[in-house]
Amino acid sequence: MRPVIALLTDYGTRDGFVGTLRGVIKRLSPFVDLVDITHQIPAQDILSASFVLAETAPYFPSETVFLAVVDPTVGTSRKAIIARNSWGLFVCPDNGLLSRVHLKSPLEHIVSIENPKYTLQTQSTTFHGRDIFAPVAAYLSRGESMDVFGPPLEEITLLESPKPIHHVDGSIEGRIIHIDVYGNLISNIPYMKAEEGAHAEWILGEKSFSGIKQTYADVDEGNFVAVKGSHGYCELSINKGNASHVLGVKRGDKVILSIKPDS
């Protein structure tokens, strides 16, 4: 099988940033397959990038090289790194982008990218995706050992992931950890928690509603619904609507789940 590089950035597609990355890679590794995970991460949103990367990477072929660039502090002293886990190799800035990846599949080996042999000769302070990360990913796809790029690192920047809080009254306080393009609200409450009782009561901002369903269409159009999202967490939605816009909910907002057994 041909090597695979998977790309994730906040570059969007209006400018030439993504095309430049792909050009650098193809020049150095002509036979690699390039897969775009997304280039629509909200600008400079490391937490969103971390979530999307961790939720998509397990479905790629083993030994995939993941090139992830969401880099608000580009050009500063933050490190550029390569990390390996059971899913493959990750090339990215050391700014917390790998936090959820490490949570789901611990990183086994990390190096700092410091060998100028594997980067572009002329480097800007604003486009390390082109000058550092893309060429490094290309060389990795050609079989270079990650150890030739620089010294090992014992630790990297990891951002805290919010965990559900279990209250004495049996309710669970969660947080919205991701909002997808449809406005669906992905919580950090595992779906199995909502299956523990016969009746689920949800409170999200000033809105409350009941139940948990298998599909969005199990409620009438325009109604709120909680479902088991594809990520394994409880997802709060509106059938054929945008829950985020209707409720004005943002990532990090609180959601309460109360389980009430059948009487």
C-alpha atoms as a PDB file:
ATOM      1  CA  MET A   1       0.000   0.000   0.000  1.00  0.00           C
ATOM      2  CA  ARG A   2       1.212   3.495  -0.777  1.00  0.00           C
ATOM      3  CA  PRO A   3       2.053   5.734   2.199  1.00  0.00           C
ATOM      4  CA  VAL A   4      -0.672   8.062   3.472  1.00  0.00           C
ATOM      5  CA  ILE A   5      -0.422  11.578   4.848  1.00  0.00           C
ATOM      6  CA  ALA A   6      -3.608  12.944   6.417  1.00  0.00           C
ATOM      7  CA  LEU A   7      -3.945  16.726   6.642  1.00  0.00           C
ATOM      8  CA  LEU A   8      -5.799  18.746   9.281  1.00  0.00           C
ATOM      9  CA  THR A   9      -5.537  22.538   9.511  1.00  0.00           C
ATOM     10  CA  ASP A  10      -7.451  25.734  10.181  1.00  0.00           C
ATOM     11  CA  TYR A  11      -6.262  27.212   6.872  1.00  0.00           C
ATOM     12  CA  GLY A  12      -9.592  27.064   5.072  1.00  0.00           C
ATOM     13  CA  THR A  13      -9.643  26.776   1.293  1.00  0.00           C
ATOM     14  CA  ARG A  14      -9.935  30.404   0.161  1.00  0.00           C
ATOM     15  CA  ASP A  15      -6.193  31.076   0.187  1.00  0.00           C
ATOM     16  CA  GLY A  16      -3.356  28.973  -1.155  1.00  0.00           C
ATOM     17  CA  PHE A  17      -2.097  27.569   2.135  1.00  0.00           C
ATOM     18  CA  VAL A  18      -3.462  24.047   1.701  1.00  0.00           C
ATOM     19  CA  GLY A  19      -2.326  23.835  -1.897  1.00  0.00           C
ATOM     20  CA  THR A  20       1.150  24.914  -0.827  1.00  0.00           C
ATOM     21  CA  LEU A  21       1.331  22.158   1.801  1.00  0.00           C
ATOM     22  CA  ARG A  22       0.285  19.580  -0.748  1.00  0.00           C
ATOM     23  CA  GLY A  23       2.805  20.889  -3.260  1.00  0.00           C
ATOM     24  CA  VAL A  24       5.721  20.710  -0.813  1.00  0.00           C
ATOM     25  CA  ILE A  25       4.779  17.173   0.158  1.00  0.00           C
ATOM     26  CA  LYS A  26       4.334  15.914  -3.397  1.00  0.00           C
ATOM     27  CA  ARG A  27       7.644  17.415  -4.482  1.00  0.00           C
ATOM     28  CA  LEU A  28       9.456  15.470  -1.756  1.00  0.00           C
ATOM     29  CA  SER A  29       7.280  12.339  -1.725  1.00  0.00           C
ATOM     30  CA  PRO A  30       5.655  12.005  -5.168  1.00  0.00           C
ATOM     31  CA  PHE A  31       3.895   8.690  -4.557  1.00  0.00           C
ATOM     32  CA  VAL A  32       2.240   9.499  -1.245  1.00  0.00           C
ATOM     33  CA  ASP A  33      -1.555   9.518  -0.977  1.00  0.00           C
ATOM     34  CA  LEU A  34      -2.818  12.781   0.531  1.00  0.00           C
ATOM     35  CA  VAL A  35      -6.097  12.717   2.470  1.00  0.00           C
ATOM     36  CA  ASP A  36      -7.746  15.894   3.753  1.00  0.00           C
ATOM     37  CA  ILE A  37      -9.364  15.333   7.154  1.00  0.00           C
ATOM     38  CA  THR A  38     -10.497  18.964   7.254  1.00  0.00           C
ATOM     39  CA  HIS A  39      -9.176  22.465   6.730  1.00  0.00           C
ATOM     40  CA  GLN A  40     -12.206  24.071   8.362  1.00  0.00           C
ATOM     41  CA  ILE A  41     -11.119  23.946  12.009  1.00  0.00           C
ATOM     42  CA  PRO A  42     -12.182  27.303  13.516  1.00  0.00           C
ATOM     43  CA  ALA A  43      -9.245  29.696  13.313  1.00  0.00           C
ATOM     44  CA  GLN A  44      -6.643  29.054  16.024  1.00  0.00           C
ATOM     45  CA  ASP A  45      -8.973  26.653  17.872  1.00  0.00           C
ATOM     46  CA  ILE A  46      -6.593  24.057  19.297  1.00  0.00           C
ATOM     47  CA  LEU A  47      -9.267  22.253  21.326  1.00  0.00           C
ATOM     48  CA  SER A  48     -11.476  21.756  18.280  1.00  0.00           C
ATOM     49  CA  ALA A  49      -8.510  20.455  16.294  1.00  0.00           C
ATOM     50  CA  SER A  50      -7.585  18.107  19.116  1.00  0.00           C
ATOM     51  CA  PHE A  51     -11.106  16.666  19.212  1.00  0.00           C
ATOM     52  CA  VAL A  52     -11.418  16.167  15.448  1.00  0.00           C
ATOM     53  CA  LEU A  53      -7.954  14.621  15.138  1.00  0.00           C
ATOM     54  CA  ALA A  54      -8.572  12.137  17.955  1.00  0.00           C
ATOM     55  CA  GLU A  55     -11.951  11.133  16.541  1.00  0.00           C
ATOM     56  CA  THR A  56     -10.712  10.557  12.977  1.00  0.00           C
ATOM     57  CA  ALA A  57      -7.190   9.153  13.342  1.00  0.00           C
ATOM     58  CA  PRO A  58      -8.216   5.640  14.519  1.00  0.00           C
ATOM     59  CA  TYR A  59      -9.963   4.999  11.195  1.00  0.00           C
ATOM     60  CA  PHE A  60      -6.873   5.493   9.044  1.00  0.00           C
ATOM     61  CA  PRO A  61      -4.400   2.796   7.992  1.00  0.00           C
ATOM     62  CA  SER A  62      -1.690   2.081  10.536  1.00  0.00           C
ATOM     63  CA  GLU A  63       1.521   4.019   9.881  1.00  0.00           C
ATOM     64  CA  THR A  64      -0.402   6.990   8.487  1.00  0.00           C
ATOM     65  CA  VAL A  65       1.442  10.283   8.948  1.00  0.00           C
ATOM     66  CA  PHE A  66      -0.933  12.881  10.397  1.00  0.00           C
ATOM     67  CA  LEU A  67       0.064  16.460   9.587  1.00  0.00           C
ATOM     68  CA  ALA A  68      -1.909  18.749  11.899  1.00  0.00           C
ATOM     69  CA  VAL A  69      -1.368  22.499  11.907  1.00  0.00           C
ATOM     70  CA  VAL A  70      -3.387  24.829  14.104  1.00  0.00           C
ATOM     71  CA  ASP A  71      -0.674  27.116  15.334  1.00  0.00           C
ATOM     72  CA  PRO A  72      -1.596  30.410  17.051  1.00  0.00           C
ATOM     73  CA  THR A  73       1.960  30.830  18.375  1.00  0.00           C
ATOM     74  CA  VAL A  74       3.772  30.106  15.116  1.00  0.00           C
ATOM     75  CA  GLY A  75       7.242  31.621  15.050  1.00  0.00           C
ATOM     76  CA  THR A  76       7.697  31.651  18.821  1.00  0.00           C
ATOM     77  CA  SER A  77       9.761  29.304  20.975  1.00  0.00           C
ATOM     78  CA  ARG A  78       7.059  26.596  20.970  1.00  0.00           C
ATOM     79  CA  LYS A  79       8.500  23.317  19.709  1.00  0.00           C
ATOM     80  CA  ALA A  80       7.706  21.461  16.526  1.00  0.00           C
ATOM     81  CA  ILE A  81       7.301  17.747  17.243  1.00  0.00           C
ATOM     82  CA  ILE A  82       6.792  14.246  15.903  1.00  0.00           C
ATOM     83  CA  ALA A  83       4.914  11.765  18.088  1.00  0.00           C
ATOM     84  CA  ARG A  84       4.053   8.109  17.635  1.00  0.00           C
ATOM     85  CA  ASN A  85       1.255   5.999  19.060  1.00  0.00           C
ATOM     86  CA  SER A  86      -0.650   2.889  17.977  1.00  0.00           C
ATOM     87  CA  TRP A  87      -2.430   4.861  15.234  1.00  0.00           C
ATOM     88  CA  GLY A  88       0.585   6.284  13.418  1.00  0.00           C
ATOM     89  CA  LEU A  89       2.860   9.332  13.375  1.00  0.00           C
ATOM     90  CA  PHE A  90       1.788  12.880  14.203  1.00  0.00           C
ATOM     91  CA  VAL A  91       3.611  15.988  12.988  1.00  0.00           C
ATOM     92  CA  CYS A  92       2.425  19.199  14.631  1.00  0.00           C
ATOM     93  CA  PRO A  93       3.258  22.136  16.888  1.00  0.00           C
ATOM     94  CA  ASP A  94       3.630  21.385  20.584  1.00  0.00           C
ATOM     95  CA  ASN A  95       0.656  23.410  21.779  1.00  0.00           C
ATOM     96  CA  GLY A  96      -1.811  20.844  23.119  1.00  0.00           C
ATOM     97  CA  LEU A  97      -3.086  19.679  19.743  1.00  0.00           C
ATOM     98  CA  LEU A  98      -2.341  16.055  20.663  1.00  0.00           C
ATOM     99  CA  SER A  99      -4.136  16.183  24.024  1.00  0.00           C
ATOM    100  CA  ARG A 100      -7.147  14.042  23.089  1.00  0.00           C
ATOM    101  CA  VAL A 101      -5.047  11.763  20.897  1.00  0.00           C
ATOM    102  CA  HIS A 102      -2.866  10.990  23.915  1.00  0.00           C
ATOM    103  CA  LEU A 103      -5.957  10.498  26.087  1.00  0.00           C
ATOM    104  CA  LYS A 104      -7.388   7.861  23.744  1.00  0.00           C
ATOM    105  CA  SER A 105      -4.146   6.200  22.581  1.00  0.00           C
ATOM    106  CA  PRO A 106      -1.099   7.191  24.658  1.00  0.00           C
ATOM    107  CA  LEU A 107       1.881   8.603  22.816  1.00  0.00           C
ATOM    108  CA  GLU A 108       4.799   6.178  22.936  1.00  0.00           C
ATOM    109  CA  HIS A 109       7.690   8.205  21.508  1.00  0.00           C
ATOM    110  CA  ILE A 110       8.147  11.935  20.876  1.00  0.00           C
ATOM    111  CA  VAL A 111      10.967  13.914  19.262  1.00  0.00           C
ATOM    112  CA  SER A 112      11.634  17.604  18.767  1.00  0.00           C
ATOM    113  CA  ILE A 113      12.093  18.645  15.130  1.00  0.00           C
ATOM    114  CA  GLU A 114      15.497  20.340  15.046  1.00  0.00           C
ATOM    115  CA  ASN A 115      17.464  18.885  12.112  1.00  0.00           C
ATOM    116  CA  PRO A 116      17.523  21.521   9.323  1.00  0.00           C
ATOM    117  CA  LYS A 117      18.263  18.813   6.749  1.00  0.00           C
ATOM    118  CA  TYR A 118      14.553  17.911   6.762  1.00  0.00           C
ATOM    119  CA  THR A 119      13.007  21.393   6.534  1.00  0.00           C
ATOM    120  CA  LEU A 120      12.968  24.031   3.825  1.00  0.00           C
ATOM    121  CA  GLN A 121      16.148  26.093   3.658  1.00  0.00           C
ATOM    122  CA  THR A 122      14.342  29.431   3.802  1.00  0.00           C
ATOM    123  CA  GLN A 123      11.848  29.680   6.642  1.00  0.00           C
ATOM    124  CA  SER A 124       9.287  32.316   7.518  1.00  0.00           C
ATOM    125  CA  THR A 125       8.063  32.991  11.042  1.00  0.00           C
ATOM    126  CA  THR A 126       4.416  32.763   9.966  1.00  0.00           C
ATOM    127  CA  PHE A 127       4.112  29.611   7.818  1.00  0.00           C
ATOM    128  CA  HIS A 128       5.759  26.664   9.567  1.00  0.00           C
ATOM    129  CA  GLY A 129       3.173  24.403   7.933  1.00  0.00           C
ATOM    130  CA  ARG A 130       4.979  24.924   4.645  1.00  0.00           C
ATOM    131  CA  ASP A 131       8.536  25.318   5.905  1.00  0.00           C
ATOM    132  CA  ILE A 132       8.762  22.682   8.668  1.00  0.00           C
ATOM    133  CA  PHE A 133       5.753  20.417   9.081  1.00  0.00           C
ATOM    134  CA  ALA A 134       5.033  19.564   5.436  1.00  0.00           C
ATOM    135  CA  PRO A 135       8.610  18.546   4.513  1.00  0.00           C
ATOM    136  CA  VAL A 136       8.984  16.552   7.742  1.00  0.00           C
ATOM    137  CA  ALA A 137       5.740  14.673   7.008  1.00  0.00           C
ATOM    138  CA  ALA A 138       6.960  13.983   3.477  1.00  0.00           C
ATOM    139  CA  TYR A 139      10.255  12.523   4.663  1.00  0.00           C
ATOM    140  CA  LEU A 140       8.459  10.380   7.246  1.00  0.00           C
ATOM    141  CA  SER A 141       6.194   9.014   4.515  1.00  0.00           C
ATOM    142  CA  ARG A 142       9.335   7.949   2.660  1.00  0.00           C
ATOM    143  CA  GLY A 143      10.392   5.811   5.614  1.00  0.00           C
ATOM    144  CA  GLU A 144      12.783   8.085   7.488  1.00  0.00           C
ATOM    145  CA  SER A 145      13.096   7.198  11.165  1.00  0.00           C
ATOM    146  CA  MET A 146      11.616   9.841  13.421  1.00  0.00           C
ATOM    147  CA  ASP A 147      14.818   9.802  15.475  1.00  0.00           C
ATOM    148  CA  VAL A 148      16.836  11.515  12.721  1.00  0.00           C
ATOM    149  CA  PHE A 149      14.755  14.692  13.053  1.00  0.00           C
ATOM    150  CA  GLY A 150      15.875  15.668  16.540  1.00  0.00           C
ATOM    151  CA  PRO A 151      16.276  14.691  20.197  1.00  0.00           C
ATOM    152  CA  PRO A 152      13.633  12.801  22.183  1.00  0.00           C
ATOM    153  CA  LEU A 153      11.198  14.623  24.434  1.00  0.00           C
ATOM    154  CA  GLU A 154       9.943  13.309  27.745  1.00  0.00           C
ATOM    155  CA  GLU A 155       6.795  15.428  27.796  1.00  0.00           C
ATOM    156  CA  ILE A 156       4.736  17.766  25.654  1.00  0.00           C
ATOM    157  CA  THR A 157       1.997  20.312  26.185  1.00  0.00           C
ATOM    158  CA  LEU A 158      -1.296  18.643  27.103  1.00  0.00           C
ATOM    159  CA  LEU A 159      -4.508  20.565  27.642  1.00  0.00           C
ATOM    160  CA  GLU A 160      -6.941  19.445  30.312  1.00  0.00           C
ATOM    161  CA  SER A 161     -10.025  17.640  29.043  1.00  0.00           C
ATOM    162  CA  PRO A 162     -13.140  18.341  31.115  1.00  0.00           C
ATOM    163  CA  LYS A 163     -14.636  15.294  32.823  1.00  0.00           C
ATOM    164  CA  PRO A 164     -18.292  14.825  33.823  1.00  0.00           C
ATOM    165  CA  ILE A 165     -19.095  15.630  37.446  1.00  0.00           C
ATOM    166  CA  HIS A 166     -21.346  13.227  39.337  1.00  0.00           C
ATOM    167  CA  HIS A 167     -23.480  15.002  41.945  1.00  0.00           C
ATOM    168  CA  VAL A 168     -24.903  13.477  45.126  1.00  0.00           C
ATOM    169  CA  ASP A 169     -28.461  13.726  43.750  1.00  0.00           C
ATOM    170  CA  GLY A 170     -27.463  11.377  40.935  1.00  0.00           C
ATOM    171  CA  SER A 171     -27.320  14.016  38.231  1.00  0.00           C
ATOM    172  CA  ILE A 172     -24.339  14.367  35.917  1.00  0.00           C
ATOM    173  CA  GLU A 173     -22.887  17.736  34.992  1.00  0.00           C
ATOM    174  CA  GLY A 174     -21.172  17.686  31.645  1.00  0.00           C
ATOM    175  CA  ARG A 175     -19.780  20.153  29.155  1.00  0.00           C
ATOM    176  CA  ILE A 176     -20.221  20.710  25.438  1.00  0.00           C
ATOM    177  CA  ILE A 177     -16.862  19.663  23.992  1.00  0.00           C
ATOM    178  CA  HIS A 178     -17.554  20.052  20.286  1.00  0.00           C
ATOM    179  CA  ILE A 179     -20.110  21.594  17.926  1.00  0.00           C
ATOM    180  CA  ASP A 180     -20.276  20.109  14.453  1.00  0.00           C
ATOM    181  CA  VAL A 181     -21.199  21.780  11.177  1.00  0.00           C
ATOM    182  CA  TYR A 182     -24.891  20.963  11.711  1.00  0.00           C
ATOM    183  CA  GLY A 183     -24.965  22.689  15.087  1.00  0.00           C
ATOM    184  CA  ASN A 184     -25.187  19.389  16.971  1.00  0.00           C
ATOM    185  CA  LEU A 185     -23.836  19.704  20.514  1.00  0.00           C
ATOM    186  CA  ILE A 186     -21.456  16.896  21.484  1.00  0.00           C
ATOM    187  CA  SER A 187     -21.180  16.553  25.257  1.00  0.00           C
ATOM    188  CA  ASN A 188     -18.546  14.772  27.309  1.00  0.00           C
ATOM    189  CA  ILE A 189     -21.184  12.511  28.901  1.00  0.00           C
ATOM    190  CA  PRO A 190     -20.737   8.932  27.673  1.00  0.00           C
ATOM    191  CA  TYR A 191     -23.870   7.546  26.071  1.00  0.00           C
ATOM    192  CA  MET A 192     -23.951   4.570  28.436  1.00  0.00           C
ATOM    193  CA  LYS A 193     -24.658   6.979  31.300  1.00  0.00           C
ATOM    194  CA  ALA A 194     -27.943   7.929  29.682  1.00  0.00           C
ATOM    195  CA  GLU A 195     -28.852   4.268  29.235  1.00  0.00           C
ATOM    196  CA  GLU A 196     -28.588   3.528  32.947  1.00  0.00           C
ATOM    197  CA  GLY A 197     -32.127   4.706  33.730  1.00  0.00           C
ATOM    198  CA  ALA A 198     -35.495   4.617  32.062  1.00  0.00           C
ATOM    199  CA  HIS A 199     -35.964   8.388  31.813  1.00  0.00           C
ATOM    200  CA  ALA A 200     -33.409  11.084  30.980  1.00  0.00           C
ATOM    201  CA  GLU A 201     -33.955  14.764  31.778  1.00  0.00           C
ATOM    202  CA  TRP A 202     -31.660  17.312  30.134  1.00  0.00           C
ATOM    203  CA  ILE A 203     -31.006  20.921  31.091  1.00  0.00           C
ATOM    204  CA  LEU A 204     -28.994  23.057  28.676  1.00  0.00           C
ATOM    205  CA  GLY A 205     -29.021  26.758  29.412  1.00  0.00           C
ATOM    206  CA  GLU A 206     -32.653  27.789  29.743  1.00  0.00           C
ATOM    207  CA  LYS A 207     -33.894  24.785  27.759  1.00  0.00           C
ATOM    208  CA  SER A 208     -34.937  21.453  29.243  1.00  0.00           C
ATOM    209  CA  PHE A 209     -36.238  18.358  27.493  1.00  0.00           C
ATOM    210  CA  SER A 210     -36.649  14.638  28.126  1.00  0.00           C
ATOM    211  CA  GLY A 211     -35.513  11.327  26.747  1.00  0.00           C
ATOM    212  CA  ILE A 212     -32.805   9.854  24.596  1.00  0.00           C
ATOM    213  CA  LYS A 213     -33.448   8.427  21.137  1.00  0.00           C
ATOM    214  CA  GLN A 214     -31.718   6.299  18.551  1.00  0.00           C
ATOM    215  CA  THR A 215     -32.008   8.760  15.654  1.00  0.00           C
ATOM    216  CA  TYR A 216     -32.707  12.454  15.039  1.00  0.00           C
ATOM    217  CA  ALA A 217     -35.904  11.501  13.220  1.00  0.00           C
ATOM    218  CA  ASP A 218     -37.364   9.837  16.323  1.00  0.00           C
ATOM    219  CA  VAL A 219     -38.795  13.268  17.216  1.00  0.00           C
ATOM    220  CA  ASP A 220     -40.831  15.651  15.082  1.00  0.00           C
ATOM    221  CA  GLU A 221     -39.018  18.154  12.895  1.00  0.00           C
ATOM    222  CA  GLY A 222     -37.854  21.160  14.916  1.00  0.00           C
ATOM    223  CA  ASN A 223     -37.904  19.325  18.264  1.00  0.00           C
ATOM    224  CA  PHE A 224     -34.937  18.807  20.549  1.00  0.00           C
ATOM    225  CA  VAL A 225     -33.472  15.319  20.757  1.00  0.00           C
ATOM    226  CA  ALA A 226     -30.614  13.591  22.546  1.00  0.00           C
ATOM    227  CA  VAL A 227     -28.968  10.725  20.660  1.00  0.00           C
ATOM    228  CA  LYS A 228     -25.935   8.513  20.856  1.00  0.00           C
ATOM    229  CA  GLY A 229     -23.471  10.399  18.697  1.00  0.00           C
ATOM    230  CA  SER A 230     -20.989   8.618  16.476  1.00  0.00           C
ATOM    231  CA  HIS A 231     -18.237   9.545  18.944  1.00  0.00           C
ATOM    232  CA  GLY A 232     -19.873   7.566  21.755  1.00  0.00           C
ATOM    233  CA  TYR A 233     -21.030  10.622  23.695  1.00  0.00           C
ATOM    234  CA  CYS A 234     -24.484  12.048  24.255  1.00  0.00           C
ATOM    235  CA  GLU A 235     -25.277  14.484  21.472  1.00  0.00           C
ATOM    236  CA  LEU A 236     -27.941  17.160  21.822  1.00  0.00           C
ATOM    237  CA  SER A 237     -29.604  18.219  18.599  1.00  0.00           C
ATOM    238  CA  ILE A 238     -32.663  19.572  16.870  1.00  0.00           C
ATOM    239  CA  ASN A 239     -34.236  17.396  14.185  1.00  0.00           C
ATOM    240  CA  LYS A 240     -33.506  19.274  10.929  1.00  0.00           C
ATOM    241  CA  GLY A 241     -32.366  22.295  12.939  1.00  0.00           C
ATOM    242  CA  ASN A 242     -29.279  23.882  14.441  1.00  0.00           C
ATOM    243  CA  ALA A 243     -29.201  23.473  18.226  1.00  0.00           C
ATOM    244  CA  SER A 244     -26.158  25.689  18.646  1.00  0.00           C
ATOM    245  CA  HIS A 245     -27.772  28.639  16.884  1.00  0.00           C
ATOM    246  CA  VAL A 246     -31.192  28.212  18.494  1.00  0.00           C
ATOM    247  CA  LEU A 247     -29.796  27.976  22.021  1.00  0.00           C
ATOM    248  CA  GLY A 248     -26.774  30.239  21.616  1.00  0.00           C
ATOM    249  CA  VAL A 249     -24.638  27.461  23.064  1.00  0.00           C
ATOM    250  CA  LYS A 250     -20.839  27.541  22.862  1.00  0.00           C
ATOM    251  CA  ARG A 251     -18.223  24.904  23.473  1.00  0.00           C
ATOM    252  CA  GLY A 252     -17.569  24.665  27.192  1.00  0.00           C
ATOM    253  CA  ASP A 253     -21.172  25.405  28.195  1.00  0.00           C
ATOM    254  CA  LYS A 254     -22.744  23.249  30.896  1.00  0.00           C
ATOM    255  CA  VAL A 255     -25.291  20.489  30.360  1.00  0.00           C
ATOM    256  CA  ILE A 256     -27.076  18.583  33.152  1.00  0.00           C
ATOM    257  CA  LEU A 257     -28.357  15.028  32.813  1.00  0.00           C
ATOM    258  CA  SER A 258     -30.702  13.571  35.427  1.00  0.00           C
ATOM    259  CA  ILE A 259     -31.616   9.893  35.276  1.00  0.00           C
ATOM    260  CA  LYS A 260     -35.020   9.007  36.702  1.00  0.00           C
ATOM    261  CA  PRO A 261     -35.967   5.334  37.007  1.00  0.00           C
ATOM    262  CA  ASP A 262     -39.415   4.100  36.100  1.00  0.00           C
ATOM    263  CA  SER A 263     -41.854   4.668  38.951  1.00  0.00           C
END
